[in-house]
Amino acid sequence: MSCSCFGASVARRKRRDPHDHQDLEGQPFENIKTFSYNELGTATDNFHPRNKIGRGGFGTVYKGILKDGREVAVKTLSAESKQGLREFLAEITTISNVKHPNLVELIGCCAQGTNRALVYEYLENNSLDHALLGSKRNAQLDWRIRSAICIGAARGLAYLHEELLPHIVHRDIKASNILLDQDFTPKIGDFGLAKLFPDNVTHISTKIAGTTGYLAPEYVLGGQLTMKADVYSFGILILEIVSGKSSSKANCGGMEKFLLEWAWQLYEEGKLLELVDPELDDFPKEEVLKYMKVAFFCAQAAANQRPMMSQVVDMLSRDIRLNEKQLKAPGFFRDSGGLSAFPSSNINKSHESSSTYQMSSVPTTITEVIPR
């Protein structure tokens, strides 16, 4: 990918008024195909309900077949939503030049009048949320596939965070934004909330955006966005993949607890394997335990205690022993309104008291290579 071309593309996008329909109509976007609304209507049988395969906060996704026979996913955006339009431009700007096996490929877009649509590669097994947490769960999600999904998604995030220039923070890593192809290869999608992250800044101050249950402490309470916010979300994602439970539901283990809090309680009690999805009949216990402990490292309350995503890839895929002495309670807390998924800002919760917190600013070594 040409970084200079990508940077120029970003600059050109920023000069446009995202609410100016006339400026967008007929506008050629770099490196992706532009479709007419009629072409997409033909591909989706006029956006027929039977072709509906998903719905997000700003529109509906339909399966379509292009003239050349290629299957695609057409994501339409609500014409009334100004935020949706901003996301439309952000998504094109962010990933039109990005190619990676673990990122959904953006094929093209439609910006005709008030009609907005993004055209993506079609992925046969829908989203991880649908396969793992939906009413019709996929029986093929054995541990081999689940571990491959964890590693693949980690590689996709590592690419966004560390290989691309400028770096990209996704801001909405969750099960519904991990899509699965016919072989259950994971691909990160939905870049509408993504932020470009220049190499010479430590954080970006921005409005809070994302999904309850996945949001990092320092981001929720201080609006301080770094790549470590995605790392926190990824830790929650691992726990969902292992447990088959949603992070956003505050009823885990028959108690009023979010998934992360319940998982940490089981860890402290030496019962972490109780978190494992009962649908997993046969799995390597030590490896599954390691994955859940990696999730705890990712979800540490202090951002600087979390690993980089390239380190996460190594921890998941290599024969590495985790240094559990450095593991502290993850970021979660109870507020006056009850249990909240929003953790405390930039802190580590002590093991001795639920109301006492200790600051931590010392970088840690979280892995030890096992000698062969």
Protein backbone atom coordinates (compact mmCIF):
# COMPACT_ATOMS: atom_id res chain seq x y z
CA MET A 1 0.00 0.00 0.00
CA SER A 2 1.27 3.48 -0.80
CA CYS A 3 1.34 5.49 2.42
CA SER A 4 1.77 8.78 0.55
CA CYS A 5 -1.30 8.04 -1.57
CA PHE A 6 -3.26 7.10 1.56
CA GLY A 7 -2.22 10.31 3.33
CA ALA A 8 -3.18 12.42 0.31
CA SER A 9 -6.54 10.67 0.19
CA VAL A 10 -7.13 11.56 3.84
CA ALA A 11 -6.23 15.19 3.25
CA ARG A 12 -8.63 15.46 0.34
CA ARG A 13 -11.46 13.95 2.39
CA LYS A 14 -10.93 16.39 5.25
CA ARG A 15 -11.37 19.41 2.97
CA ARG A 16 -14.86 18.28 2.00
CA ASP A 17 -18.00 19.20 3.86
CA PRO A 18 -19.44 15.76 4.74
CA HIS A 19 -22.99 17.13 4.66
CA ASP A 20 -22.77 18.59 1.15
CA HIS A 21 -24.75 16.10 -0.99
CA GLN A 22 -23.99 17.91 -4.23
CA ASP A 23 -20.24 17.72 -3.63
CA LEU A 24 -20.44 13.96 -3.12
CA GLU A 25 -22.62 13.06 -6.07
CA GLY A 26 -20.59 11.52 -8.87
CA GLN A 27 -17.39 11.96 -6.88
CA PRO A 28 -14.77 9.33 -7.79
CA PHE A 29 -13.21 7.72 -4.72
CA GLU A 30 -9.64 6.50 -4.99
CA ASN A 31 -8.96 2.77 -5.41
CA ILE A 32 -12.56 1.60 -5.15
CA LYS A 33 -15.35 1.23 -7.68
CA THR A 34 -18.32 3.60 -7.66
CA PHE A 35 -21.76 2.06 -8.22
CA SER A 36 -25.02 3.69 -9.21
CA TYR A 37 -27.99 3.20 -6.92
CA ASN A 38 -29.74 1.33 -9.74
CA GLU A 39 -26.84 -1.12 -10.03
CA LEU A 40 -27.06 -1.93 -6.33
CA GLY A 41 -30.84 -2.18 -6.55
CA THR A 42 -30.50 -4.75 -9.31
CA ALA A 43 -27.86 -6.65 -7.35
CA THR A 44 -30.07 -6.90 -4.24
CA ASP A 45 -33.42 -7.37 -6.01
CA ASN A 46 -34.38 -3.82 -5.04
CA PHE A 47 -33.13 -4.35 -1.50
CA HIS A 48 -35.64 -7.10 -0.92
CA PRO A 49 -36.13 -8.14 2.74
CA ARG A 50 -35.16 -11.73 1.93
CA ASN A 51 -31.68 -10.47 1.06
CA LYS A 52 -31.26 -8.68 4.37
CA ILE A 53 -28.30 -10.18 6.25
CA GLY A 54 -27.73 -7.65 9.02
CA ARG A 55 -28.52 -4.31 10.52
CA GLY A 56 -26.26 -1.76 12.20
CA GLY A 57 -26.80 1.53 13.94
CA PHE A 58 -26.89 3.50 10.70
CA GLY A 59 -28.43 1.23 8.12
CA THR A 60 -29.12 -2.25 6.78
CA VAL A 61 -26.85 -4.80 5.09
CA TYR A 62 -28.09 -6.81 2.10
CA LYS A 63 -26.59 -9.67 0.16
CA GLY A 64 -26.21 -8.86 -3.52
CA ILE A 65 -24.89 -10.36 -6.75
CA LEU A 66 -23.08 -8.05 -9.18
CA LYS A 67 -23.30 -8.35 -12.96
CA ASP A 68 -20.05 -10.30 -13.05
CA GLY A 69 -21.53 -12.87 -10.63
CA ARG A 70 -19.57 -11.75 -7.59
CA GLU A 71 -21.43 -11.98 -4.28
CA VAL A 72 -21.23 -8.83 -2.17
CA ALA A 73 -22.60 -7.30 1.01
CA VAL A 74 -24.24 -3.92 0.44
CA LYS A 75 -24.35 -1.71 3.52
CA THR A 76 -26.92 1.05 3.08
CA LEU A 77 -26.92 4.18 5.22
CA SER A 78 -29.91 6.17 6.41
CA ALA A 79 -30.26 9.38 4.39
CA GLU A 80 -31.53 11.22 7.48
CA SER A 81 -28.50 10.43 9.64
CA LYS A 82 -25.76 13.06 9.53
CA GLN A 83 -23.65 10.85 11.77
CA GLY A 84 -24.15 8.02 9.31
CA LEU A 85 -22.85 10.23 6.52
CA ARG A 86 -19.76 11.11 8.53
CA GLU A 87 -19.21 7.41 9.14
CA PHE A 88 -19.69 6.73 5.44
CA LEU A 89 -16.84 9.08 4.53
CA ALA A 90 -14.68 7.89 7.41
CA GLU A 91 -15.06 4.28 6.37
CA ILE A 92 -14.08 4.98 2.76
CA THR A 93 -11.16 7.19 3.77
CA THR A 94 -9.88 4.74 6.32
CA ILE A 95 -9.84 1.43 4.47
CA SER A 96 -10.05 2.12 0.73
CA ASN A 97 -6.30 1.44 0.47
CA VAL A 98 -6.01 -1.22 3.16
CA LYS A 99 -5.58 -4.89 2.24
CA HIS A 100 -5.05 -7.68 4.75
CA PRO A 101 -6.36 -11.26 5.05
CA ASN A 102 -8.04 -10.37 8.36
CA LEU A 103 -9.73 -7.16 7.25
CA VAL A 104 -12.96 -7.02 5.26
CA GLU A 105 -12.31 -5.79 1.71
CA LEU A 106 -14.14 -2.64 0.64
CA ILE A 107 -15.04 -3.12 -3.04
CA GLY A 108 -16.90 0.08 -3.80
CA CYS A 109 -19.47 2.65 -2.80
CA CYS A 110 -22.51 4.58 -3.98
CA ALA A 111 -22.89 8.32 -3.33
CA GLN A 112 -25.79 9.31 -5.58
CA GLY A 113 -28.09 12.07 -4.38
CA THR A 114 -29.06 11.21 -0.82
CA ASN A 115 -28.35 7.50 -1.34
CA ARG A 116 -25.30 6.17 0.48
CA ALA A 117 -24.03 2.59 0.31
CA LEU A 118 -20.80 0.71 0.87
CA VAL A 119 -20.09 -2.51 -1.03
CA TYR A 120 -18.00 -5.16 0.72
CA GLU A 121 -16.88 -8.68 -0.02
CA TYR A 122 -19.54 -11.16 1.03
CA LEU A 123 -18.62 -13.47 3.89
CA GLU A 124 -20.57 -16.70 4.04
CA ASN A 125 -20.66 -17.26 7.79
CA ASN A 126 -21.96 -13.82 8.76
CA SER A 127 -20.62 -12.28 11.97
CA LEU A 128 -18.96 -13.89 14.97
CA ASP A 129 -21.80 -12.50 17.06
CA HIS A 130 -24.29 -14.41 14.92
CA ALA A 131 -22.26 -17.64 14.93
CA LEU A 132 -21.30 -17.57 18.59
CA LEU A 133 -24.05 -15.74 20.44
CA GLY A 134 -27.08 -15.89 18.14
CA SER A 135 -30.22 -17.97 18.57
CA LYS A 136 -28.94 -20.41 15.93
CA ARG A 137 -25.39 -21.01 17.12
CA ASN A 138 -22.94 -22.63 14.72
CA ALA A 139 -22.09 -26.13 15.91
CA GLN A 140 -18.80 -26.02 13.97
CA LEU A 141 -17.19 -23.56 16.37
CA ASP A 142 -14.88 -26.05 18.07
CA TRP A 143 -11.78 -24.90 19.91
CA ARG A 144 -9.55 -25.13 16.84
CA ILE A 145 -11.78 -22.65 15.00
CA ARG A 146 -12.23 -20.39 18.03
CA SER A 147 -8.50 -20.16 18.65
CA ALA A 148 -7.90 -19.41 14.95
CA ILE A 149 -10.51 -16.62 15.14
CA CYS A 150 -8.71 -15.10 18.14
CA ILE A 151 -5.33 -15.21 16.41
CA GLY A 152 -6.63 -13.95 13.07
CA ALA A 153 -8.48 -11.01 14.60
CA ALA A 154 -5.37 -10.19 16.66
CA ARG A 155 -3.27 -10.16 13.49
CA GLY A 156 -5.72 -7.84 11.78
CA LEU A 157 -5.59 -5.40 14.70
CA ALA A 158 -1.79 -5.62 14.90
CA TYR A 159 -1.66 -4.67 11.22
CA LEU A 160 -3.89 -1.62 11.80
CA HIS A 161 -1.99 -0.51 14.90
CA GLU A 162 1.62 -1.17 13.99
CA GLU A 163 2.15 -1.73 10.26
CA LEU A 164 -0.04 0.90 8.64
CA LEU A 165 0.97 4.54 8.46
CA PRO A 166 -0.86 6.44 9.74
CA HIS A 167 -1.94 3.86 12.30
CA ILE A 168 -5.64 3.13 12.67
CA VAL A 169 -7.61 2.76 15.91
CA HIS A 170 -10.83 0.87 15.17
CA ARG A 171 -12.80 2.00 18.27
CA ASP A 172 -15.52 -0.62 17.94
CA ILE A 173 -13.93 -4.07 18.22
CA LYS A 174 -16.73 -6.49 19.14
CA ALA A 175 -18.18 -9.82 18.05
CA SER A 176 -20.65 -8.30 15.57
CA ASN A 177 -17.78 -6.53 13.77
CA ILE A 178 -15.76 -9.72 13.29
CA LEU A 179 -17.02 -11.37 10.09
CA LEU A 180 -16.35 -14.97 9.08
CA ASP A 181 -15.74 -16.37 5.61
CA GLN A 182 -16.62 -19.90 4.45
CA ASP A 183 -13.57 -21.29 6.28
CA PHE A 184 -14.31 -19.23 9.43
CA THR A 185 -11.34 -16.94 8.74
CA PRO A 186 -12.05 -13.77 10.78
CA LYS A 187 -12.11 -10.39 9.11
CA ILE A 188 -12.49 -7.12 10.99
CA GLY A 189 -15.24 -4.92 9.53
CA ASP A 190 -17.19 -1.70 10.13
CA PHE A 191 -14.63 1.11 10.18
CA GLY A 192 -17.21 3.89 10.60
CA LEU A 193 -15.82 4.90 14.01
CA ALA A 194 -12.15 4.38 13.16
CA LYS A 195 -9.59 7.10 13.78
CA LEU A 196 -6.30 7.72 12.00
CA PHE A 197 -3.52 7.84 14.58
CA PRO A 198 -0.33 9.71 13.56
CA ASP A 199 2.94 8.20 14.73
CA ASN A 200 4.00 11.33 16.62
CA VAL A 201 1.10 11.60 19.09
CA THR A 202 0.50 9.75 22.36
CA HIS A 203 -3.29 10.01 22.40
CA ILE A 204 -6.29 11.67 20.78
CA SER A 205 -8.93 13.48 22.81
CA THR A 206 -12.30 12.67 21.29
CA LYS A 207 -15.95 12.08 22.05
CA ILE A 208 -16.75 8.64 23.40
CA ALA A 209 -17.93 6.19 20.75
CA GLY A 210 -18.20 2.43 20.80
CA THR A 211 -20.21 -0.28 22.53
CA THR A 212 -21.00 -0.75 26.20
CA GLY A 213 -19.05 -3.64 27.66
CA TYR A 214 -16.04 -3.18 25.37
CA LEU A 215 -14.95 0.36 26.27
CA ALA A 216 -11.60 1.00 27.96
CA PRO A 217 -11.47 2.89 31.30
CA GLU A 218 -9.30 5.85 30.27
CA TYR A 219 -11.38 6.36 27.15
CA VAL A 220 -14.76 6.27 28.88
CA LEU A 221 -13.94 8.62 31.72
CA GLY A 222 -11.33 10.85 30.13
CA GLY A 223 -11.90 10.71 26.38
CA GLN A 224 -8.24 9.72 25.96
CA LEU A 225 -8.05 7.47 22.92
CA THR A 226 -4.99 5.34 22.21
CA MET A 227 -4.46 2.04 20.44
CA LYS A 228 -4.68 0.40 23.86
CA ALA A 229 -8.45 1.07 23.81
CA ASP A 230 -8.72 -1.50 21.01
CA VAL A 231 -6.53 -3.88 23.02
CA TYR A 232 -8.96 -3.66 25.94
CA SER A 233 -11.90 -4.42 23.62
CA PHE A 234 -10.00 -7.36 22.17
CA GLY A 235 -9.54 -8.80 25.65
CA ILE A 236 -13.30 -8.76 26.13
CA LEU A 237 -13.71 -10.39 22.72
CA ILE A 238 -11.46 -13.31 23.74
CA LEU A 239 -13.61 -13.93 26.82
CA GLU A 240 -16.72 -13.97 24.63
CA ILE A 241 -15.15 -16.45 22.22
CA VAL A 242 -14.11 -18.76 25.06
CA SER A 243 -17.33 -18.49 27.06
CA GLY A 244 -19.96 -18.18 24.33
CA LYS A 245 -21.50 -15.34 26.34
CA SER A 246 -22.09 -11.66 25.58
CA SER A 247 -20.08 -9.00 27.38
CA SER A 248 -22.94 -6.53 27.32
CA LYS A 249 -25.33 -8.57 29.47
CA ALA A 250 -25.00 -8.02 33.20
CA ASN A 251 -26.05 -11.52 34.24
CA CYS A 252 -23.18 -13.97 34.26
CA GLY A 253 -22.93 -17.05 36.44
CA GLY A 254 -26.42 -16.37 37.74
CA MET A 255 -25.19 -13.10 39.26
CA GLU A 256 -25.51 -9.41 38.43
CA LYS A 257 -22.05 -9.27 36.88
CA PHE A 258 -20.64 -8.41 33.51
CA LEU A 259 -18.53 -11.03 31.75
CA LEU A 260 -15.15 -9.50 32.65
CA GLU A 261 -15.99 -9.17 36.33
CA TRP A 262 -17.30 -12.72 36.52
CA ALA A 263 -14.23 -14.07 34.70
CA TRP A 264 -11.87 -12.29 37.10
CA GLN A 265 -13.79 -13.61 40.11
CA LEU A 266 -13.45 -17.16 38.77
CA TYR A 267 -9.73 -16.57 38.19
CA GLU A 268 -9.20 -15.46 41.79
CA GLU A 269 -11.14 -18.48 43.02
CA GLY A 270 -9.10 -20.87 40.86
CA LYS A 271 -12.22 -21.84 38.89
CA LEU A 272 -11.51 -20.14 35.57
CA LEU A 273 -12.39 -23.21 33.52
CA GLU A 274 -16.00 -22.78 34.66
CA LEU A 275 -16.16 -19.86 32.22
CA VAL A 276 -15.64 -22.12 29.18
CA ASP A 277 -18.61 -22.53 26.85
CA PRO A 278 -20.43 -25.79 27.70
CA GLU A 279 -20.75 -26.33 23.94
CA LEU A 280 -17.01 -27.06 23.86
CA ASP A 281 -16.90 -30.78 24.61
CA ASP A 282 -13.21 -31.35 24.09
CA PHE A 283 -10.56 -28.66 24.42
CA PRO A 284 -6.92 -28.30 25.58
CA LYS A 285 -7.35 -26.96 29.11
CA GLU A 286 -3.94 -25.30 29.46
CA GLU A 287 -4.26 -23.52 26.13
CA VAL A 288 -7.77 -22.28 26.89
CA LEU A 289 -6.59 -21.05 30.30
CA LYS A 290 -3.75 -19.19 28.61
CA TYR A 291 -6.15 -17.47 26.22
CA MET A 292 -8.30 -16.24 29.10
CA LYS A 293 -5.24 -14.95 30.95
CA VAL A 294 -4.15 -13.11 27.79
CA ALA A 295 -7.62 -11.52 27.86
CA PHE A 296 -6.93 -10.27 31.40
CA PHE A 297 -3.63 -8.73 30.30
CA CYS A 298 -5.45 -6.98 27.46
CA ALA A 299 -8.12 -5.67 29.85
CA GLN A 300 -5.81 -4.26 32.53
CA ALA A 301 -7.21 -1.08 34.07
CA ALA A 302 -4.10 0.98 33.26
CA ALA A 303 -3.54 1.35 29.53
CA ASN A 304 0.25 1.11 29.81
CA GLN A 305 -0.10 -2.30 31.47
CA ARG A 306 -1.74 -3.73 28.35
CA PRO A 307 0.37 -5.39 25.64
CA MET A 308 0.66 -4.23 22.05
CA MET A 309 -1.33 -6.30 19.59
CA SER A 310 1.82 -7.83 18.06
CA GLN A 311 2.64 -9.10 21.55
CA VAL A 312 -0.88 -10.49 21.84
CA VAL A 313 -0.39 -12.39 18.58
CA ASP A 314 2.81 -13.90 19.98
CA MET A 315 1.18 -14.81 23.28
CA LEU A 316 -1.68 -16.57 21.54
CA SER A 317 0.24 -18.31 18.78
CA ARG A 318 3.63 -19.14 20.31
CA ASP A 319 4.79 -21.40 23.13
CA ILE A 320 5.13 -18.57 25.63
CA ARG A 321 4.59 -18.69 29.39
CA LEU A 322 2.69 -15.70 30.76
CA ASN A 323 4.22 -13.82 33.67
CA GLU A 324 1.13 -13.91 35.90
CA LYS A 325 2.94 -12.07 38.71
CA GLN A 326 2.37 -8.89 36.70
CA LEU A 327 -1.33 -9.56 36.26
CA LYS A 328 -3.60 -7.21 38.22
CA ALA A 329 -7.36 -6.87 38.34
CA PRO A 330 -8.83 -5.66 35.03
CA GLY A 331 -10.72 -2.41 34.66
CA PHE A 332 -14.27 -2.65 35.94
CA PHE A 333 -16.19 -1.04 38.78
CA ARG A 334 -19.54 -0.60 40.42
CA ASP A 335 -21.01 2.89 40.43
CA SER A 336 -23.90 4.33 42.43
CA GLY A 337 -26.32 3.22 39.77
CA GLY A 338 -25.30 -0.43 40.00
CA LEU A 339 -22.90 -2.52 37.99
CA SER A 340 -21.25 -0.72 35.10
CA ALA A 341 -19.11 -1.95 32.24
CA PHE A 342 -17.22 1.35 32.35
CA PRO A 343 -14.03 0.79 34.38
CA SER A 344 -12.13 3.33 36.46
CA SER A 345 -9.74 5.64 34.69
CA ASN A 346 -6.04 4.82 34.44
CA ILE A 347 -5.94 2.66 37.56
CA ASN A 348 -5.35 -0.84 38.77
CA LYS A 349 -7.81 -2.23 41.27
CA SER A 350 -6.11 -3.75 44.30
CA HIS A 351 -6.80 -7.34 45.33
CA GLU A 352 -7.42 -6.43 48.98
CA SER A 353 -10.36 -4.04 48.70
CA SER A 354 -13.11 -3.35 46.22
CA SER A 355 -13.02 0.36 47.06
CA THR A 356 -9.26 0.94 47.13
CA TYR A 357 -7.27 1.63 43.99
CA GLN A 358 -3.57 1.94 43.35
CA MET A 359 -1.95 3.90 40.58
CA SER A 360 0.42 2.06 38.28
CA SER A 361 2.80 3.59 35.76
CA VAL A 362 5.61 1.03 35.58
CA PRO A 363 5.82 -0.95 32.32
CA THR A 364 5.76 -4.70 32.84
CA THR A 365 7.15 -7.80 31.22
CA ILE A 366 4.22 -10.10 30.66
CA THR A 367 5.73 -13.07 28.84
CA GLU A 368 8.55 -15.53 29.29
CA VAL A 369 9.70 -17.71 26.41
CA ILE A 370 9.55 -21.39 27.39
CA PRO A 371 12.90 -23.14 26.73
CA ARG A 372 12.76 -26.10 24.38
